[in-house]
Amino acid sequence: MDLRRAAVGLQKAVAEKLGIKPRIRTGASGDMTVLVNGANVFNYRKEGSIPGTEALLQRIADSLRSTV
């Protein structure tokens, strides 16, 4: 799986649907981390796979609600 491509697609989806730009870090070692307001929302190494875009959008929305 191309994690960089997934990260770019996710950033675009989050910007369009939630109006924010999350910080998404990818590494050469096959890692991808999604941070929203400094909180870790998703880490590929810990979970082993990437859930669908809608599932990640829901996690991000839930994270935003919990910080308000």
Protein backbone atom coordinates (compact mmCIF):
# COMPACT_ATOMS: atom_id res chain seq x y z
CA MET A 1 0.00 0.00 0.00
CA ASP A 2 1.24 3.47 -0.86
CA LEU A 3 0.86 5.29 2.46
CA ARG A 4 1.85 8.67 1.03
CA ARG A 5 -0.92 8.47 -1.55
CA ALA A 6 -3.38 7.43 1.17
CA ALA A 7 -2.23 10.37 3.32
CA VAL A 8 -2.77 12.90 0.53
CA GLY A 9 -6.22 11.48 -0.23
CA LEU A 10 -7.16 11.57 3.43
CA GLN A 11 -5.99 15.18 3.82
CA LYS A 12 -8.14 16.22 0.88
CA ALA A 13 -11.18 14.35 2.22
CA VAL A 14 -10.81 15.87 5.69
CA ALA A 15 -10.43 19.38 4.27
CA GLU A 16 -13.53 18.95 2.09
CA LYS A 17 -15.79 17.28 4.66
CA LEU A 18 -14.61 18.73 7.98
CA GLY A 19 -12.97 21.99 6.93
CA ILE A 20 -9.68 21.32 8.72
CA LYS A 21 -6.23 20.19 7.68
CA PRO A 22 -4.91 17.37 9.83
CA ARG A 23 -1.20 16.72 10.15
CA ILE A 24 -0.36 13.42 8.53
CA ARG A 25 3.13 12.04 8.83
CA THR A 26 4.46 9.22 6.72
CA GLY A 27 7.78 7.50 7.14
CA ALA A 28 10.05 5.45 4.96
CA SER A 29 9.59 2.55 7.35
CA GLY A 30 5.93 2.07 6.40
CA ASP A 31 4.36 4.27 9.03
CA MET A 32 1.52 6.76 8.83
CA THR A 33 0.24 8.84 11.73
CA VAL A 34 -2.77 11.18 11.67
CA LEU A 35 -2.73 14.02 14.20
CA VAL A 36 -5.59 16.45 14.86
CA ASN A 37 -4.93 19.33 17.25
CA GLY A 38 -1.87 17.44 18.46
CA ALA A 39 -3.87 14.30 19.32
CA ASN A 40 -2.97 11.01 17.66
CA VAL A 41 -6.10 9.81 15.85
CA PHE A 42 -4.56 6.96 13.86
CA ASN A 43 -1.26 5.10 13.63
CA TYR A 44 -0.73 2.51 10.90
CA ARG A 45 1.98 0.60 12.77
CA LYS A 46 -0.23 0.11 15.83
CA GLU A 47 -3.32 -0.89 13.87
CA GLY A 48 -1.74 -2.78 10.98
CA SER A 49 -4.17 -1.59 8.33
CA ILE A 50 -5.93 1.56 7.22
CA PRO A 51 -9.67 1.72 7.79
CA GLY A 52 -11.79 3.26 5.06
CA THR A 53 -11.84 7.00 4.55
CA GLU A 54 -15.29 7.34 6.13
CA ALA A 55 -14.15 5.48 9.26
CA LEU A 56 -11.11 7.75 9.59
CA LEU A 57 -13.27 10.84 9.01
CA GLN A 58 -15.53 9.65 11.84
CA ARG A 59 -12.54 9.18 14.17
CA ILE A 60 -11.32 12.68 13.36
CA ALA A 61 -14.79 14.18 13.91
CA ASP A 62 -15.06 12.32 17.23
CA SER A 63 -11.62 13.61 18.23
CA LEU A 64 -12.66 17.17 17.41
CA ARG A 65 -15.84 16.83 19.49
CA SER A 66 -13.93 15.49 22.47
CA THR A 67 -11.53 18.47 22.49
CA VAL A 68 -14.28 21.09 22.52
